PDB file of N, CA and C in Angstrom:
ATOM      1  N   MET A   1       0.855  -1.176   0.000  1.00  0.00           N
ATOM      2  CA  MET A   1       0.000   0.000   0.000  1.00  0.00           C
ATOM      3  C   MET A   1       0.901   1.239   0.000  1.00  0.00           C
ATOM      4  N   ILE A   2       0.643   2.130  -0.939  1.00  0.00           N
ATOM      5  CA  ILE A   2       1.392   3.383  -1.023  1.00  0.00           C
ATOM      6  C   ILE A   2       0.631   4.444  -0.222  1.00  0.00           C
ATOM      7  N   LEU A   3       1.341   5.150   0.638  1.00  0.00           N
ATOM      8  CA  LEU A   3       0.771   6.240   1.422  1.00  0.00           C
ATOM      9  C   LEU A   3       1.530   7.512   1.078  1.00  0.00           C
ATOM     10  N   VAL A   4       0.806   8.550   0.656  1.00  0.00           N
ATOM     11  CA  VAL A   4       1.444   9.829   0.347  1.00  0.00           C
ATOM     12  C   VAL A   4       0.616  10.965   0.932  1.00  0.00           C
ATOM     13  N   ASN A   5       1.268  12.092   1.186  1.00  0.00           N
ATOM     14  CA  ASN A   5       0.533  13.247   1.705  1.00  0.00           C
ATOM     15  C   ASN A   5       0.260  14.268   0.601  1.00  0.00           C
ATOM     16  N   THR A   6       0.366  13.821  -0.646  1.00  0.00           N
ATOM     17  CA  THR A   6       0.042  14.659  -1.799  1.00  0.00           C
ATOM     18  C   THR A   6      -1.281  14.203  -2.398  1.00  0.00           C
ATOM     19  N   GLU A   7      -1.839  15.023  -3.290  1.00  0.00           N
ATOM     20  CA  GLU A   7      -3.123  14.673  -3.908  1.00  0.00           C
ATOM     21  C   GLU A   7      -2.970  13.731  -5.088  1.00  0.00           C
ATOM     22  N   THR A   8      -1.763  13.580  -5.592  1.00  0.00           N
ATOM     23  CA  THR A   8      -1.503  12.724  -6.754  1.00  0.00           C
ATOM     24  C   THR A   8      -0.288  11.850  -6.493  1.00  0.00           C
ATOM     25  N   ILE A   9      -0.125  10.848  -7.355  1.00  0.00           N
ATOM     26  CA  ILE A   9       1.066  10.011  -7.348  1.00  0.00           C
ATOM     27  C   ILE A   9       1.644  10.106  -8.751  1.00  0.00           C
ATOM     28  N   SER A  10       2.866  10.569  -8.851  1.00  0.00           N
ATOM     29  CA  SER A  10       3.508  10.807 -10.139  1.00  0.00           C
ATOM     30  C   SER A  10       3.430   9.567 -11.028  1.00  0.00           C
ATOM     31  N   GLY A  11       2.968   9.781 -12.262  1.00  0.00           N
ATOM     32  CA  GLY A  11       2.904   8.704 -13.240  1.00  0.00           C
ATOM     33  C   GLY A  11       1.703   7.787 -13.115  1.00  0.00           C
ATOM     34  N   LYS A  12       0.798   8.081 -12.199  1.00  0.00           N
ATOM     35  CA  LYS A  12      -0.377   7.223 -11.988  1.00  0.00           C
ATOM     36  C   LYS A  12      -1.656   8.018 -12.214  1.00  0.00           C
ATOM     37  N   GLU A  13      -2.612   7.381 -12.887  1.00  0.00           N
ATOM     38  CA  GLU A  13      -3.949   7.955 -13.006  1.00  0.00           C
ATOM     39  C   GLU A  13      -4.779   7.292 -11.918  1.00  0.00           C
ATOM     40  N   LEU A  14      -5.473   8.106 -11.127  1.00  0.00           N
ATOM     41  CA  LEU A  14      -6.141   7.597  -9.930  1.00  0.00           C
ATOM     42  C   LEU A  14      -7.656   7.630 -10.043  1.00  0.00           C
ATOM     43  N   GLU A  15      -8.270   6.594  -9.512  1.00  0.00           N
ATOM     44  CA  GLU A  15      -9.723   6.549  -9.345  1.00  0.00           C
ATOM     45  C   GLU A  15      -9.993   6.658  -7.847  1.00  0.00           C
ATOM     46  N   MET A  16     -10.714   7.690  -7.438  1.00  0.00           N
ATOM     47  CA  MET A  16     -10.989   7.921  -6.021  1.00  0.00           C
ATOM     48  C   MET A  16     -12.036   6.925  -5.518  1.00  0.00           C
ATOM     49  N   LEU A  17     -11.747   6.284  -4.398  1.00  0.00           N
ATOM     50  CA  LEU A  17     -12.681   5.332  -3.796  1.00  0.00           C
ATOM     51  C   LEU A  17     -13.409   5.925  -2.596  1.00  0.00           C
ATOM     52  N   GLY A  18     -12.789   6.875  -1.913  1.00  0.00           N
ATOM     53  CA  GLY A  18     -13.440   7.509  -0.780  1.00  0.00           C
ATOM     54  C   GLY A  18     -12.534   7.691   0.417  1.00  0.00           C
ATOM     55  N   LEU A  19     -13.072   8.343   1.409  1.00  0.00           N
ATOM     56  CA  LEU A  19     -12.358   8.637   2.648  1.00  0.00           C
ATOM     57  C   LEU A  19     -12.135   7.356   3.439  1.00  0.00           C
ATOM     58  N   VAL A  20     -10.936   7.210   3.964  1.00  0.00           N
ATOM     59  CA  VAL A  20     -10.631   6.119   4.893  1.00  0.00           C
ATOM     60  C   VAL A  20      -9.968   6.728   6.121  1.00  0.00           C
ATOM     61  N   LYS A  21     -10.165   6.065   7.261  1.00  0.00           N
ATOM     62  CA  LYS A  21      -9.585   6.593   8.490  1.00  0.00           C
ATOM     63  C   LYS A  21      -9.324   5.460   9.464  1.00  0.00           C
ATOM     64  N   GLY A  22      -8.472   5.760  10.402  1.00  0.00           N
ATOM     65  CA  GLY A  22      -8.185   4.848  11.494  1.00  0.00           C
ATOM     66  C   GLY A  22      -7.914   5.691  12.722  1.00  0.00           C
ATOM     67  N   SER A  23      -8.312   5.203  13.880  1.00  0.00           N
ATOM     68  CA  SER A  23      -8.080   5.989  15.090  1.00  0.00           C
ATOM     69  C   SER A  23      -7.831   5.079  16.281  1.00  0.00           C
ATOM     70  N   THR A  24      -7.295   5.674  17.312  1.00  0.00           N
ATOM     71  CA  THR A  24      -7.073   4.974  18.569  1.00  0.00           C
ATOM     72  C   THR A  24      -7.011   6.009  19.685  1.00  0.00           C
ATOM     73  N   ILE A  25      -7.313   5.567  20.879  1.00  0.00           N
ATOM     74  CA  ILE A  25      -7.130   6.387  22.080  1.00  0.00           C
ATOM     75  C   ILE A  25      -6.193   5.598  22.972  1.00  0.00           C
ATOM     76  N   GLN A  26      -5.090   6.234  23.378  1.00  0.00           N
ATOM     77  CA  GLN A  26      -4.091   5.534  24.178  1.00  0.00           C
ATOM     78  C   GLN A  26      -3.742   6.343  25.418  1.00  0.00           C
ATOM     79  N   SER A  27      -3.271   5.618  26.420  1.00  0.00           N
ATOM     80  CA  SER A  27      -2.800   6.270  27.644  1.00  0.00           C
ATOM     81  C   SER A  27      -1.630   5.477  28.203  1.00  0.00           C
ATOM     82  N   LYS A  28      -0.930   6.066  29.126  1.00  0.00           N
ATOM     83  CA  LYS A  28       0.145   5.396  29.853  1.00  0.00           C
ATOM     84  C   LYS A  28      -0.360   5.106  31.264  1.00  0.00           C
ATOM     85  N   HIS A  29       0.213   4.085  31.891  1.00  0.00           N
ATOM     86  CA  HIS A  29      -0.225   3.743  33.249  1.00  0.00           C
ATOM     87  C   HIS A  29       0.196   4.826  34.247  1.00  0.00           C
ATOM     88  N   ILE A  30      -0.399   4.797  35.398  1.00  0.00           N
ATOM     89  CA  ILE A  30      -0.237   5.858  36.398  1.00  0.00           C
ATOM     90  C   ILE A  30       1.225   6.075  36.797  1.00  0.00           C
ATOM     91  N   GLY A  31       2.012   5.006  36.843  1.00  0.00           N
ATOM     92  CA  GLY A  31       3.435   5.145  37.184  1.00  0.00           C
ATOM     93  C   GLY A  31       4.167   6.022  36.179  1.00  0.00           C
ATOM     94  N   LYS A  32       3.867   5.830  34.887  1.00  0.00           N
ATOM     95  CA  LYS A  32       4.490   6.661  33.845  1.00  0.00           C
ATOM     96  C   LYS A  32       3.982   8.092  33.948  1.00  0.00           C
ATOM     97  N   ASP A  33       2.697   8.267  34.248  1.00  0.00           N
ATOM     98  CA  ASP A  33       2.145   9.618  34.408  1.00  0.00           C
ATOM     99  C   ASP A  33       2.890  10.384  35.502  1.00  0.00           C
ATOM    100  N   ILE A  34       3.124   9.725  36.619  1.00  0.00           N
ATOM    101  CA  ILE A  34       3.801  10.380  37.741  1.00  0.00           C
ATOM    102  C   ILE A  34       5.240  10.725  37.377  1.00  0.00           C
ATOM    103  N   SER A  35       5.948   9.774  36.741  1.00  0.00           N
ATOM    104  CA  SER A  35       7.348  10.044  36.385  1.00  0.00           C
ATOM    105  C   SER A  35       7.449  11.162  35.351  1.00  0.00           C
ATOM    106  N   GLN A  36       6.491  11.228  34.425  1.00  0.00           N
ATOM    107  CA  GLN A  36       6.513  12.284  33.417  1.00  0.00           C
ATOM    108  C   GLN A  36       6.144  13.637  34.025  1.00  0.00           C
ATOM    109  N   ALA A  37       5.288  13.628  35.042  1.00  0.00           N
ATOM    110  CA  ALA A  37       4.941  14.877  35.737  1.00  0.00           C
ATOM    111  C   ALA A  37       6.177  15.462  36.415  1.00  0.00           C
ATOM    112  N   PHE A  38       7.005  14.612  37.032  1.00  0.00           N
ATOM    113  CA  PHE A  38       8.245  15.095  37.640  1.00  0.00           C
ATOM    114  C   PHE A  38       9.199  15.630  36.580  1.00  0.00           C
ATOM    115  N   LYS A  39       9.212  14.999  35.412  1.00  0.00           N
ATOM    116  CA  LYS A  39      10.095  15.427  34.328  1.00  0.00           C
ATOM    117  C   LYS A  39       9.750  16.846  33.871  1.00  0.00           C
ATOM    118  N   THR A  40       8.476  17.222  33.945  1.00  0.00           N
ATOM    119  CA  THR A  40       8.094  18.574  33.525  1.00  0.00           C
ATOM    120  C   THR A  40       8.689  19.640  34.447  1.00  0.00           C
ATOM    121  N   LEU A  41       9.054  19.264  35.669  1.00  0.00           N
ATOM    122  CA  LEU A  41       9.652  20.223  36.602  1.00  0.00           C
ATOM    123  C   LEU A  41      11.061  20.632  36.175  1.00  0.00           C
ATOM    124  N   VAL A  42      11.782  19.696  35.562  1.00  0.00           N
ATOM    125  CA  VAL A  42      13.170  19.989  35.171  1.00  0.00           C
ATOM    126  C   VAL A  42      13.318  20.223  33.676  1.00  0.00           C
ATOM    127  N   GLY A  43      12.296  19.892  32.927  1.00  0.00           N
ATOM    128  CA  GLY A  43      12.335  20.093  31.473  1.00  0.00           C
ATOM    129  C   GLY A  43      12.932  18.908  30.746  1.00  0.00           C
ATOM    130  N   GLY A  44      12.787  18.917  29.446  1.00  0.00           N
ATOM    131  CA  GLY A  44      13.314  17.847  28.610  1.00  0.00           C
ATOM    132  C   GLY A  44      12.209  17.070  27.934  1.00  0.00           C
ATOM    133  N   GLU A  45      12.625  16.113  27.133  1.00  0.00           N
ATOM    134  CA  GLU A  45      11.673  15.312  26.363  1.00  0.00           C
ATOM    135  C   GLU A  45      10.927  14.340  27.267  1.00  0.00           C
ATOM    136  N   LEU A  46       9.638  14.239  27.058  1.00  0.00           N
ATOM    137  CA  LEU A  46       8.807  13.289  27.805  1.00  0.00           C
ATOM    138  C   LEU A  46       8.740  12.000  26.985  1.00  0.00           C
ATOM    139  N   THR A  47       9.750  11.159  27.138  1.00  0.00           N
ATOM    140  CA  THR A  47       9.905   9.996  26.266  1.00  0.00           C
ATOM    141  C   THR A  47       8.757   9.000  26.360  1.00  0.00           C
ATOM    142  N   ALA A  48       8.180   8.823  27.534  1.00  0.00           N
ATOM    143  CA  ALA A  48       7.066   7.880  27.662  1.00  0.00           C
ATOM    144  C   ALA A  48       5.876   8.344  26.822  1.00  0.00           C
ATOM    145  N   TYR A  49       5.609   9.638  26.822  1.00  0.00           N
ATOM    146  CA  TYR A  49       4.505  10.157  26.011  1.00  0.00           C
ATOM    147  C   TYR A  49       4.864  10.154  24.531  1.00  0.00           C
ATOM    148  N   ASN A  50       6.118  10.390  24.224  1.00  0.00           N
ATOM    149  CA  ASN A  50       6.570  10.326  22.842  1.00  0.00           C
ATOM    150  C   ASN A  50       6.362   8.918  22.289  1.00  0.00           C
ATOM    151  N   GLU A  51       6.742   7.912  23.069  1.00  0.00           N
ATOM    152  CA  GLU A  51       6.532   6.513  22.670  1.00  0.00           C
ATOM    153  C   GLU A  51       5.052   6.217  22.513  1.00  0.00           C
ATOM    154  N   MET A  52       4.238   6.702  23.443  1.00  0.00           N
ATOM    155  CA  MET A  52       2.795   6.479  23.366  1.00  0.00           C
ATOM    156  C   MET A  52       2.222   7.043  22.070  1.00  0.00           C
ATOM    157  N   MET A  53       2.631   8.255  21.706  1.00  0.00           N
ATOM    158  CA  MET A  53       2.104   8.887  20.493  1.00  0.00           C
ATOM    159  C   MET A  53       2.596   8.169  19.233  1.00  0.00           C
ATOM    160  N   ASN A  54       3.845   7.710  19.229  1.00  0.00           N
ATOM    161  CA  ASN A  54       4.350   6.941  18.092  1.00  0.00           C
ATOM    162  C   ASN A  54       3.561   5.648  17.908  1.00  0.00           C
ATOM    163  N   GLU A  55       3.289   4.960  19.020  1.00  0.00           N
ATOM    164  CA  GLU A  55       2.487   3.734  18.962  1.00  0.00           C
ATOM    165  C   GLU A  55       1.074   4.035  18.467  1.00  0.00           C
ATOM    166  N   ALA A  56       0.499   5.121  18.934  1.00  0.00           N
ATOM    167  CA  ALA A  56      -0.858   5.495  18.537  1.00  0.00           C
ATOM    168  C   ALA A  56      -0.916   5.823  17.043  1.00  0.00           C
ATOM    169  N   ARG A  57       0.069   6.566  16.533  1.00  0.00           N
ATOM    170  CA  ARG A  57       0.101   6.885  15.091  1.00  0.00           C
ATOM    171  C   ARG A  57       0.234   5.621  14.258  1.00  0.00           C
ATOM    172  N   ALA A  58       1.095   4.693  14.701  1.00  0.00           N
ATOM    173  CA  ALA A  58       1.286   3.437  13.964  1.00  0.00           C
ATOM    174  C   ALA A  58      -0.005   2.624  13.926  1.00  0.00           C
ATOM    175  N   LEU A  59      -0.706   2.547  15.045  1.00  0.00           N
ATOM    176  CA  LEU A  59      -1.954   1.783  15.106  1.00  0.00           C
ATOM    177  C   LEU A  59      -3.047   2.452  14.266  1.00  0.00           C
ATOM    178  N   ALA A  60      -3.159   3.774  14.340  1.00  0.00           N
ATOM    179  CA  ALA A  60      -4.152   4.496  13.537  1.00  0.00           C
ATOM    180  C   ALA A  60      -3.873   4.302  12.044  1.00  0.00           C
ATOM    181  N   THR A  61      -2.599   4.340  11.664  1.00  0.00           N
ATOM    182  CA  THR A  61      -2.224   4.125  10.262  1.00  0.00           C
ATOM    183  C   THR A  61      -2.593   2.715   9.822  1.00  0.00           C
ATOM    184  N   LYS A  62      -2.294   1.729  10.655  1.00  0.00           N
ATOM    185  CA  LYS A  62      -2.620   0.329  10.346  1.00  0.00           C
ATOM    186  C   LYS A  62      -4.120   0.158  10.125  1.00  0.00           C
ATOM    187  N   ARG A  63      -4.930   0.781  10.957  1.00  0.00           N
ATOM    188  CA  ARG A  63      -6.390   0.683  10.827  1.00  0.00           C
ATOM    189  C   ARG A  63      -6.888   1.396   9.569  1.00  0.00           C
ATOM    190  N   MET A  64      -6.275   2.532   9.221  1.00  0.00           N
ATOM    191  CA  MET A  64      -6.634   3.248   8.005  1.00  0.00           C
ATOM    192  C   MET A  64      -6.312   2.392   6.777  1.00  0.00           C
ATOM    193  N   VAL A  65      -5.130   1.780   6.763  1.00  0.00           N
ATOM    194  CA  VAL A  65      -4.724   0.929   5.649  1.00  0.00           C
ATOM    195  C   VAL A  65      -5.667  -0.261   5.518  1.00  0.00           C
ATOM    196  N   ALA A  66      -6.060  -0.870   6.619  1.00  0.00           N
ATOM    197  CA  ALA A  66      -6.988  -2.004   6.581  1.00  0.00           C
ATOM    198  C   ALA A  66      -8.319  -1.593   5.954  1.00  0.00           C
ATOM    199  N   GLU A  67      -8.798  -0.402   6.289  1.00  0.00           N
ATOM    200  CA  GLU A  67     -10.048   0.097   5.714  1.00  0.00           C
ATOM    201  C   GLU A  67      -9.894   0.304   4.204  1.00  0.00           C
ATOM    202  N   ALA A  68      -8.739   0.816   3.774  1.00  0.00           N
ATOM    203  CA  ALA A  68      -8.477   1.037   2.349  1.00  0.00           C
ATOM    204  C   ALA A  68      -8.367  -0.298   1.605  1.00  0.00           C
ATOM    205  N   GLU A  69      -7.701  -1.265   2.211  1.00  0.00           N
ATOM    206  CA  GLU A  69      -7.567  -2.586   1.583  1.00  0.00           C
ATOM    207  C   GLU A  69      -8.927  -3.245   1.401  1.00  0.00           C
ATOM    208  N   ALA A  70      -9.829  -3.033   2.359  1.00  0.00           N
ATOM    209  CA  ALA A  70     -11.181  -3.594   2.247  1.00  0.00           C
ATOM    210  C   ALA A  70     -11.944  -3.007   1.056  1.00  0.00           C
ATOM    211  N   LEU A  71     -11.566  -1.794   0.644  1.00  0.00           N
ATOM    212  CA  LEU A  71     -12.184  -1.161  -0.527  1.00  0.00           C
ATOM    213  C   LEU A  71     -11.483  -1.553  -1.826  1.00  0.00           C
ATOM    214  N   GLY A  72     -10.382  -2.295  -1.727  1.00  0.00           N
ATOM    215  CA  GLY A  72      -9.619  -2.676  -2.899  1.00  0.00           C
ATOM    216  C   GLY A  72      -8.662  -1.601  -3.370  1.00  0.00           C
ATOM    217  N   ALA A  73      -8.258  -0.716  -2.496  1.00  0.00           N
ATOM    218  CA  ALA A  73      -7.380   0.406  -2.853  1.00  0.00           C
ATOM    219  C   ALA A  73      -5.950  -0.057  -3.108  1.00  0.00           C
ATOM    220  N   ASP A  74      -5.276   0.687  -3.978  1.00  0.00           N
ATOM    221  CA  ASP A  74      -3.852   0.481  -4.236  1.00  0.00           C
ATOM    222  C   ASP A  74      -3.002   1.462  -3.429  1.00  0.00           C
ATOM    223  N   ALA A  75      -3.609   2.571  -3.024  1.00  0.00           N
ATOM    224  CA  ALA A  75      -2.862   3.619  -2.333  1.00  0.00           C
ATOM    225  C   ALA A  75      -3.825   4.493  -1.536  1.00  0.00           C
ATOM    226  N   ILE A  76      -3.240   5.322  -0.673  1.00  0.00           N
ATOM    227  CA  ILE A  76      -4.001   6.351   0.039  1.00  0.00           C
ATOM    228  C   ILE A  76      -3.271   7.666  -0.197  1.00  0.00           C
ATOM    229  N   VAL A  77      -3.995   8.645  -0.727  1.00  0.00           N
ATOM    230  CA  VAL A  77      -3.406   9.955  -0.987  1.00  0.00           C
ATOM    231  C   VAL A  77      -3.924  10.956   0.037  1.00  0.00           C
ATOM    232  N   ASN A  78      -3.213  12.062   0.128  1.00  0.00           N
ATOM    233  CA  ASN A  78      -3.608  13.154   1.015  1.00  0.00           C
ATOM    234  C   ASN A  78      -3.713  12.697   2.480  1.00  0.00           C
ATOM    235  N   VAL A  79      -2.770  11.864   2.903  1.00  0.00           N
ATOM    236  CA  VAL A  79      -2.784  11.319   4.266  1.00  0.00           C
ATOM    237  C   VAL A  79      -2.500  12.439   5.273  1.00  0.00           C
ATOM    238  N   ARG A  80      -3.296  12.478   6.314  1.00  0.00           N
ATOM    239  CA  ARG A  80      -3.152  13.472   7.378  1.00  0.00           C
ATOM    240  C   ARG A  80      -3.306  12.790   8.736  1.00  0.00           C
ATOM    241  N   TYR A  81      -2.748  13.410   9.756  1.00  0.00           N
ATOM    242  CA  TYR A  81      -2.871  12.943  11.141  1.00  0.00           C
ATOM    243  C   TYR A  81      -3.396  14.086  11.995  1.00  0.00           C
ATOM    244  N   ALA A  82      -4.193  13.747  12.975  1.00  0.00           N
ATOM    245  CA  ALA A  82      -4.671  14.725  13.949  1.00  0.00           C
ATOM    246  C   ALA A  82      -4.666  14.042  15.312  1.00  0.00           C
ATOM    247  N   SER A  83      -4.482  14.835  16.345  1.00  0.00           N
ATOM    248  CA  SER A  83      -4.527  14.282  17.700  1.00  0.00           C
ATOM    249  C   SER A  83      -5.201  15.272  18.627  1.00  0.00           C
ATOM    250  N   SER A  84      -5.743  14.736  19.692  1.00  0.00           N
ATOM    251  CA  SER A  84      -6.360  15.591  20.698  1.00  0.00           C
ATOM    252  C   SER A  84      -6.264  14.907  22.053  1.00  0.00           C
ATOM    253  N   ALA A  85      -6.161  15.715  23.084  1.00  0.00           N
ATOM    254  CA  ALA A  85      -6.130  15.188  24.449  1.00  0.00           C
ATOM    255  C   ALA A  85      -7.545  14.811  24.854  1.00  0.00           C
ATOM    256  N   ILE A  86      -7.690  13.623  25.370  1.00  0.00           N
ATOM    257  CA  ILE A  86      -8.995  13.158  25.854  1.00  0.00           C
ATOM    258  C   ILE A  86      -9.123  13.465  27.343  1.00  0.00           C
ATOM    259  N   MET A  87      -8.029  13.242  28.063  1.00  0.00           N
ATOM    260  CA  MET A  87      -7.922  13.535  29.483  1.00  0.00           C
ATOM    261  C   MET A  87      -6.440  13.555  29.818  1.00  0.00           C
ATOM    262  N   GLN A  88      -6.093  13.880  31.035  1.00  0.00           N
ATOM    263  CA  GLN A  88      -4.680  13.901  31.434  1.00  0.00           C
ATOM    264  C   GLN A  88      -4.039  12.556  31.128  1.00  0.00           C
ATOM    265  N   GLY A  89      -3.005  12.542  30.274  1.00  0.00           N
ATOM    266  CA  GLY A  89      -2.269  11.317  29.988  1.00  0.00           C
ATOM    267  C   GLY A  89      -2.887  10.423  28.935  1.00  0.00           C
ATOM    268  N   ALA A  90      -3.976  10.848  28.291  1.00  0.00           N
ATOM    269  CA  ALA A  90      -4.610  10.043  27.249  1.00  0.00           C
ATOM    270  C   ALA A  90      -4.853  10.917  26.026  1.00  0.00           C
ATOM    271  N   ALA A  91      -4.613  10.338  24.852  1.00  0.00           N
ATOM    272  CA  ALA A  91      -4.773  11.103  23.617  1.00  0.00           C
ATOM    273  C   ALA A  91      -5.418  10.242  22.550  1.00  0.00           C
ATOM    274  N   GLU A  92      -6.183  10.900  21.695  1.00  0.00           N
ATOM    275  CA  GLU A  92      -6.742  10.254  20.514  1.00  0.00           C
ATOM    276  C   GLU A  92      -5.882  10.660  19.322  1.00  0.00           C
ATOM    277  N   VAL A  93      -5.577   9.699  18.482  1.00  0.00           N
ATOM    278  CA  VAL A  93      -4.881   9.968  17.231  1.00  0.00           C
ATOM    279  C   VAL A  93      -5.735   9.410  16.110  1.00  0.00           C
ATOM    280  N   ILE A  94      -5.928  10.205  15.062  1.00  0.00           N
ATOM    281  CA  ILE A  94      -6.667   9.755  13.893  1.00  0.00           C
ATOM    282  C   ILE A  94      -5.795   9.968  12.657  1.00  0.00           C
ATOM    283  N   ALA A  95      -5.796   8.974  11.796  1.00  0.00           N
ATOM    284  CA  ALA A  95      -5.125   9.058  10.503  1.00  0.00           C
ATOM    285  C   ALA A  95      -6.231   8.986   9.458  1.00  0.00           C
ATOM    286  N   TYR A  96      -6.167   9.850   8.447  1.00  0.00           N
ATOM    287  CA  TYR A  96      -7.192   9.819   7.412  1.00  0.00           C
ATOM    288  C   TYR A  96      -6.623  10.229   6.066  1.00  0.00           C
ATOM    289  N   GLY A  97      -7.287   9.809   5.020  1.00  0.00           N
ATOM    290  CA  GLY A  97      -6.856  10.123   3.671  1.00  0.00           C
ATOM    291  C   GLY A  97      -7.888   9.626   2.676  1.00  0.00           C
ATOM    292  N   THR A  98      -7.547   9.692   1.390  1.00  0.00           N
ATOM    293  CA  THR A  98      -8.445   9.253   0.333  1.00  0.00           C
ATOM    294  C   THR A  98      -7.898   7.980  -0.290  1.00  0.00           C
ATOM    295  N   ALA A  99      -8.690   6.917  -0.238  1.00  0.00           N
ATOM    296  CA  ALA A  99      -8.313   5.646  -0.860  1.00  0.00           C
ATOM    297  C   ALA A  99      -8.463   5.776  -2.370  1.00  0.00           C
ATOM    298  N   VAL A 100      -7.472   5.267  -3.105  1.00  0.00           N
ATOM    299  CA  VAL A 100      -7.506   5.347  -4.568  1.00  0.00           C
ATOM    300  C   VAL A 100      -7.103   4.012  -5.174  1.00  0.00           C
ATOM    301  N   LYS A 101      -7.561   3.815  -6.397  1.00  0.00           N
ATOM    302  CA  LYS A 101      -7.188   2.646  -7.182  1.00  0.00           C
ATOM    303  C   LYS A 101      -6.486   3.172  -8.426  1.00  0.00           C
ATOM    304  N   PHE A 102      -5.444   2.461  -8.881  1.00  0.00           N
ATOM    305  CA  PHE A 102      -4.738   2.859 -10.094  1.00  0.00           C
ATOM    306  C   PHE A 102      -5.563   2.448 -11.307  1.00  0.00           C
ATOM    307  N   ARG A 103      -5.704   3.374 -12.265  1.00  0.00           N
ATOM    308  CA  ARG A 103      -6.369   3.056 -13.530  1.00  0.00           C
ATOM    309  C   ARG A 103      -5.348   2.443 -14.453  1.00  0.00           C
ATOM    310  N   ALA A 104      -5.795   1.439 -15.184  1.00  0.00           N
ATOM    311  CA  ALA A 104      -4.869   0.737 -16.106  1.00  0.00           C
ATOM    312  C   ALA A 104      -4.579   1.536 -17.350  1.00  0.00           C
TER     313      ALA A 104
END
């Protein structure tokens, strides 16, 4: 599956199949929340949250690709990511784009 953040794929004529998306809501356990709260006092990268967001993006992408494959897509164009805080230490990540099929 080809994923691009552009509206076209060079050298390919595309047939639009429709919007596809994948999402997840993830959090870290309370021990990580406490350790990351202390880290904010001294500054620096919050690695536990960084890992959480990377995992969430990967899972959202996987779910988006599965939805596109179910439509028979060859690629997803105009891929975008969005995230929002659901509560302290929990975030939603959504991946979305347009599923396309290559014209012969």
